[in-house]
């Protein structure tokens, strides 16, 4: 029969192996964690740029055809929301970059 400490160590190893298999390291260093956050923010910025480009194209098309209805104005409002979110993401990227510089 296994002792209580052996069972505990065995469960910790299983827990650790599960997290490593999903690509998450429990003992990740601070700089690596900040770098991962920075990469995630960069991906979010790229997605936001893509959404802004697609939305701008569809709004220009609606304006050219004369469809300035509720959907058009909702798109304009959504464009400003995306731009505001983009400013927030860029500021967070600048903050994380400075944080990496300090580490």
N, C-alpha and C. Protein backbone atom coordinates (compact mmCIF):
# COMPACT_ATOMS: atom_id res chain seq x y z
N UNK A 1 0.84 -1.17 0.00
CA UNK A 1 0.00 0.00 0.00
C UNK A 1 0.89 1.24 0.00
N UNK A 2 0.53 2.23 -0.78
CA UNK A 2 1.33 3.44 -0.88
C UNK A 2 1.11 4.34 0.32
N UNK A 3 2.18 4.98 0.73
CA UNK A 3 2.07 5.94 1.83
C UNK A 3 1.39 7.20 1.33
N UNK A 4 0.91 7.98 2.26
CA UNK A 4 0.17 9.19 1.91
C UNK A 4 1.03 10.19 1.13
N UNK A 5 2.31 10.34 1.50
CA UNK A 5 3.20 11.25 0.80
C UNK A 5 3.47 10.79 -0.63
N UNK A 6 3.57 9.47 -0.81
CA UNK A 6 3.79 8.94 -2.15
C UNK A 6 2.59 9.22 -3.06
N UNK A 7 1.42 9.09 -2.52
CA UNK A 7 0.21 9.37 -3.30
C UNK A 7 0.15 10.85 -3.65
N UNK A 8 0.51 11.69 -2.69
CA UNK A 8 0.50 13.14 -2.93
C UNK A 8 1.51 13.50 -4.02
N UNK A 9 2.72 12.96 -3.95
CA UNK A 9 3.74 13.22 -4.98
C UNK A 9 3.30 12.71 -6.34
N UNK A 10 2.65 11.57 -6.34
CA UNK A 10 2.17 10.99 -7.59
C UNK A 10 1.10 11.88 -8.22
N UNK A 11 0.18 12.41 -7.41
CA UNK A 11 -0.84 13.31 -7.92
C UNK A 11 -0.24 14.62 -8.42
N UNK A 12 0.77 15.13 -7.71
CA UNK A 12 1.43 16.36 -8.16
C UNK A 12 2.12 16.13 -9.50
N UNK A 13 2.76 14.98 -9.68
CA UNK A 13 3.42 14.69 -10.94
C UNK A 13 2.40 14.58 -12.07
N UNK A 14 1.30 13.92 -11.83
CA UNK A 14 0.26 13.80 -12.85
C UNK A 14 -0.27 15.19 -13.20
N UNK A 15 -0.52 16.01 -12.17
CA UNK A 15 -1.01 17.37 -12.38
C UNK A 15 -0.01 18.17 -13.22
N UNK A 16 1.28 18.07 -12.88
CA UNK A 16 2.33 18.79 -13.59
C UNK A 16 2.43 18.31 -15.04
N UNK A 17 2.37 17.00 -15.25
CA UNK A 17 2.46 16.45 -16.60
C UNK A 17 1.28 16.88 -17.47
N UNK A 18 0.11 16.96 -16.89
CA UNK A 18 -1.07 17.40 -17.64
C UNK A 18 -0.88 18.82 -18.12
N UNK A 19 -0.42 19.72 -17.25
CA UNK A 19 -0.23 21.11 -17.64
C UNK A 19 0.88 21.26 -18.66
N UNK A 20 1.95 20.47 -18.53
CA UNK A 20 3.02 20.55 -19.53
C UNK A 20 2.55 20.05 -20.88
N UNK A 21 1.67 19.07 -20.89
CA UNK A 21 1.18 18.56 -22.16
C UNK A 21 0.30 19.57 -22.88
N UNK A 22 -0.32 20.48 -22.14
CA UNK A 22 -1.11 21.53 -22.76
C UNK A 22 -0.29 22.77 -23.08
N UNK A 23 1.00 22.73 -22.86
CA UNK A 23 1.86 23.84 -23.21
C UNK A 23 1.94 24.91 -22.14
N UNK A 24 1.45 24.66 -20.96
CA UNK A 24 1.49 25.65 -19.90
C UNK A 24 2.47 25.19 -18.85
N UNK A 25 3.42 26.01 -18.55
CA UNK A 25 4.43 25.68 -17.56
C UNK A 25 4.11 26.40 -16.27
N UNK A 26 3.87 25.66 -15.21
CA UNK A 26 3.50 26.25 -13.94
C UNK A 26 4.63 27.10 -13.39
N UNK A 27 5.86 26.71 -13.67
CA UNK A 27 7.02 27.40 -13.12
C UNK A 27 7.67 28.34 -14.14
N UNK A 28 6.86 28.93 -15.00
CA UNK A 28 7.36 29.82 -16.03
C UNK A 28 7.93 31.08 -15.40
N UNK A 29 9.02 31.55 -15.91
CA UNK A 29 9.63 32.76 -15.38
C UNK A 29 8.79 33.99 -15.69
N UNK A 30 9.06 35.03 -14.95
CA UNK A 30 8.29 36.27 -15.11
C UNK A 30 8.45 36.85 -16.50
N UNK A 31 9.66 36.85 -17.01
CA UNK A 31 9.90 37.45 -18.33
C UNK A 31 9.18 36.65 -19.42
N UNK A 32 9.14 35.33 -19.28
CA UNK A 32 8.44 34.51 -20.27
C UNK A 32 6.94 34.77 -20.23
N UNK A 33 6.42 34.97 -19.02
CA UNK A 33 4.99 35.26 -18.88
C UNK A 33 4.64 36.59 -19.54
N UNK A 34 5.48 37.60 -19.34
CA UNK A 34 5.24 38.91 -19.93
C UNK A 34 5.35 38.83 -21.45
N UNK A 35 6.30 38.03 -21.94
CA UNK A 35 6.45 37.86 -23.39
C UNK A 35 5.22 37.20 -24.00
N UNK A 36 4.66 36.21 -23.31
CA UNK A 36 3.45 35.55 -23.81
C UNK A 36 2.27 36.52 -23.85
N UNK A 37 2.14 37.33 -22.83
CA UNK A 37 1.07 38.34 -22.81
C UNK A 37 1.26 39.32 -23.96
N UNK A 38 2.51 39.72 -24.19
CA UNK A 38 2.81 40.65 -25.28
C UNK A 38 2.47 40.03 -26.63
N UNK A 39 2.79 38.77 -26.83
CA UNK A 39 2.45 38.10 -28.09
C UNK A 39 0.94 38.00 -28.28
N UNK A 40 0.22 37.72 -27.19
CA UNK A 40 -1.24 37.66 -27.28
C UNK A 40 -1.82 39.02 -27.64
N UNK A 41 -1.27 40.08 -27.07
CA UNK A 41 -1.74 41.42 -27.40
C UNK A 41 -1.45 41.77 -28.86
N UNK A 42 -0.32 41.32 -29.36
CA UNK A 42 0.01 41.58 -30.77
C UNK A 42 -0.96 40.85 -31.70
N UNK A 43 -1.33 39.65 -31.33
CA UNK A 43 -2.32 38.90 -32.13
C UNK A 43 -3.67 39.62 -32.09
N UNK A 44 -4.05 40.09 -30.91
CA UNK A 44 -5.32 40.84 -30.79
C UNK A 44 -5.28 42.10 -31.64
N UNK A 45 -4.13 42.77 -31.68
CA UNK A 45 -4.00 43.97 -32.50
C UNK A 45 -4.14 43.63 -33.99
N UNK A 46 -3.55 42.53 -34.42
CA UNK A 46 -3.66 42.12 -35.82
C UNK A 46 -5.11 41.80 -36.18
N UNK A 47 -5.80 41.11 -35.30
CA UNK A 47 -7.21 40.78 -35.55
C UNK A 47 -8.04 42.06 -35.62
N UNK A 48 -7.78 43.01 -34.72
CA UNK A 48 -8.52 44.27 -34.74
C UNK A 48 -8.27 45.04 -36.04
N UNK A 49 -7.00 45.08 -36.50
CA UNK A 49 -6.71 45.73 -37.77
C UNK A 49 -7.49 45.09 -38.91
N UNK A 50 -7.52 43.77 -38.93
CA UNK A 50 -8.27 43.07 -39.97
C UNK A 50 -9.75 43.39 -39.92
N UNK A 51 -10.32 43.42 -38.72
CA UNK A 51 -11.75 43.74 -38.59
C UNK A 51 -12.03 45.18 -39.03
N UNK A 52 -11.13 46.09 -38.72
CA UNK A 52 -11.31 47.49 -39.14
C UNK A 52 -11.25 47.61 -40.65
N UNK A 53 -10.32 46.90 -41.29
CA UNK A 53 -10.20 46.96 -42.75
C UNK A 53 -11.46 46.39 -43.41
N UNK A 54 -11.94 45.26 -42.94
CA UNK A 54 -13.14 44.65 -43.53
C UNK A 54 -14.36 45.55 -43.31
N UNK A 55 -14.49 46.09 -42.11
CA UNK A 55 -15.62 46.96 -41.82
C UNK A 55 -15.58 48.24 -42.65
N UNK A 56 -14.38 48.80 -42.82
CA UNK A 56 -14.25 50.00 -43.65
C UNK A 56 -14.65 49.71 -45.09
N UNK A 57 -14.22 48.58 -45.62
CA UNK A 57 -14.59 48.21 -46.99
C UNK A 57 -16.09 48.07 -47.16
N UNK A 58 -16.73 47.43 -46.20
CA UNK A 58 -18.18 47.24 -46.33
C UNK A 58 -18.92 48.56 -46.14
N UNK A 59 -18.41 49.44 -45.29
CA UNK A 59 -19.07 50.75 -45.11
C UNK A 59 -18.93 51.62 -46.36
N UNK A 60 -17.76 51.58 -46.99
CA UNK A 60 -17.57 52.34 -48.23
C UNK A 60 -18.49 51.82 -49.31
N UNK A 61 -18.63 50.51 -49.40
CA UNK A 61 -19.52 49.92 -50.41
C UNK A 61 -20.97 50.33 -50.17
N UNK A 62 -21.41 50.31 -48.90
CA UNK A 62 -22.78 50.73 -48.59
C UNK A 62 -22.98 52.20 -48.91
N UNK A 63 -21.98 53.03 -48.63
CA UNK A 63 -22.10 54.46 -48.90
C UNK A 63 -22.16 54.72 -50.41
N UNK A 64 -21.35 54.00 -51.18
CA UNK A 64 -21.35 54.18 -52.64
C UNK A 64 -22.67 53.78 -53.27
N UNK A 65 -23.31 52.75 -52.72
CA UNK A 65 -24.59 52.33 -53.29
C UNK A 65 -25.76 53.14 -52.73
N UNK A 66 -25.50 54.00 -51.78
CA UNK A 66 -26.56 54.86 -51.23
C UNK A 66 -27.34 54.22 -50.10
N UNK A 67 -26.85 53.13 -49.55
CA UNK A 67 -27.52 52.46 -48.44
C UNK A 67 -27.03 53.03 -47.10
N UNK A 68 -27.44 54.23 -46.78
CA UNK A 68 -27.05 54.82 -45.49
C UNK A 68 -28.19 54.63 -44.50
N UNK A 69 -28.48 53.37 -44.22
CA UNK A 69 -29.56 53.03 -43.30
C UNK A 69 -29.00 52.79 -41.89
N UNK A 70 -29.78 52.16 -41.07
CA UNK A 70 -29.39 51.91 -39.68
C UNK A 70 -28.14 51.04 -39.59
N UNK A 71 -28.04 50.06 -40.47
CA UNK A 71 -26.87 49.17 -40.46
C UNK A 71 -25.59 49.95 -40.77
N UNK A 72 -25.68 50.91 -41.67
CA UNK A 72 -24.52 51.75 -41.99
C UNK A 72 -24.06 52.52 -40.76
N UNK A 73 -25.00 53.15 -40.06
CA UNK A 73 -24.64 53.97 -38.89
C UNK A 73 -24.19 53.09 -37.72
N UNK A 74 -24.74 51.91 -37.63
CA UNK A 74 -24.27 50.97 -36.62
C UNK A 74 -22.82 50.55 -36.92
N UNK A 75 -22.50 50.39 -38.18
CA UNK A 75 -21.13 50.09 -38.59
C UNK A 75 -20.17 51.21 -38.27
N UNK A 76 -20.62 52.46 -38.46
CA UNK A 76 -19.79 53.62 -38.11
C UNK A 76 -19.49 53.61 -36.60
N UNK A 77 -20.52 53.37 -35.80
CA UNK A 77 -20.33 53.31 -34.34
C UNK A 77 -19.39 52.17 -33.97
N UNK A 78 -19.56 51.02 -34.62
CA UNK A 78 -18.69 49.87 -34.35
C UNK A 78 -17.25 50.17 -34.74
N UNK A 79 -17.07 50.96 -35.79
CA UNK A 79 -15.72 51.36 -36.21
C UNK A 79 -15.03 52.16 -35.11
N UNK A 80 -15.76 53.09 -34.50
CA UNK A 80 -15.18 53.88 -33.41
C UNK A 80 -14.88 53.02 -32.19
N UNK A 81 -15.73 52.05 -31.92
CA UNK A 81 -15.47 51.13 -30.80
C UNK A 81 -14.20 50.34 -31.06
N UNK A 82 -14.03 49.82 -32.29
CA UNK A 82 -12.83 49.07 -32.63
C UNK A 82 -11.58 49.94 -32.51
N UNK A 83 -11.68 51.19 -32.94
CA UNK A 83 -10.53 52.10 -32.84
C UNK A 83 -10.18 52.38 -31.38
N UNK A 84 -11.19 52.52 -30.53
CA UNK A 84 -10.95 52.75 -29.11
C UNK A 84 -10.27 51.54 -28.48
N UNK A 85 -10.76 50.35 -28.81
CA UNK A 85 -10.15 49.11 -28.30
C UNK A 85 -8.71 48.98 -28.80
N UNK A 86 -8.48 49.38 -30.06
CA UNK A 86 -7.14 49.32 -30.63
C UNK A 86 -6.18 50.23 -29.87
N UNK A 87 -6.63 51.41 -29.50
CA UNK A 87 -5.80 52.33 -28.72
C UNK A 87 -5.44 51.70 -27.37
N UNK A 88 -6.41 51.05 -26.74
CA UNK A 88 -6.15 50.39 -25.45
C UNK A 88 -5.12 49.28 -25.62
N UNK A 89 -5.26 48.48 -26.66
CA UNK A 89 -4.32 47.37 -26.90
C UNK A 89 -2.92 47.91 -27.17
N UNK A 90 -2.81 48.98 -27.95
CA UNK A 90 -1.49 49.55 -28.25
C UNK A 90 -0.85 50.09 -26.97
N UNK A 91 -1.62 50.71 -26.11
CA UNK A 91 -1.08 51.20 -24.84
C UNK A 91 -0.61 50.04 -23.96
N UNK A 92 -1.36 48.95 -23.94
CA UNK A 92 -0.94 47.79 -23.14
C UNK A 92 0.32 47.17 -23.71
N UNK A 93 0.45 47.16 -25.04
CA UNK A 93 1.67 46.64 -25.67
C UNK A 93 2.86 47.50 -25.26
N UNK A 94 2.69 48.81 -25.27
CA UNK A 94 3.78 49.70 -24.85
C UNK A 94 4.15 49.47 -23.39
N UNK A 95 3.15 49.27 -22.56
CA UNK A 95 3.40 49.02 -21.13
C UNK A 95 4.16 47.71 -20.91
N UNK A 96 3.74 46.66 -21.61
CA UNK A 96 4.41 45.37 -21.47
C UNK A 96 5.82 45.41 -22.03
N UNK A 97 6.05 46.16 -23.10
CA UNK A 97 7.39 46.30 -23.66
C UNK A 97 8.31 46.97 -22.65
N UNK A 98 7.81 48.02 -21.99
CA UNK A 98 8.62 48.67 -20.95
C UNK A 98 8.87 47.73 -19.78
N UNK A 99 7.88 46.90 -19.46
CA UNK A 99 8.03 45.95 -18.36
C UNK A 99 9.12 44.92 -18.69
N UNK A 100 9.19 44.48 -19.94
CA UNK A 100 10.24 43.55 -20.35
C UNK A 100 11.59 44.24 -20.26
N UNK A 101 11.65 45.50 -20.65
CA UNK A 101 12.91 46.25 -20.60
C UNK A 101 13.42 46.35 -19.17
N UNK A 102 12.50 46.49 -18.20
CA UNK A 102 12.90 46.61 -16.81
C UNK A 102 13.36 45.28 -16.22
N UNK A 103 12.88 44.17 -16.78
CA UNK A 103 13.30 42.86 -16.27
C UNK A 103 14.64 42.54 -16.83
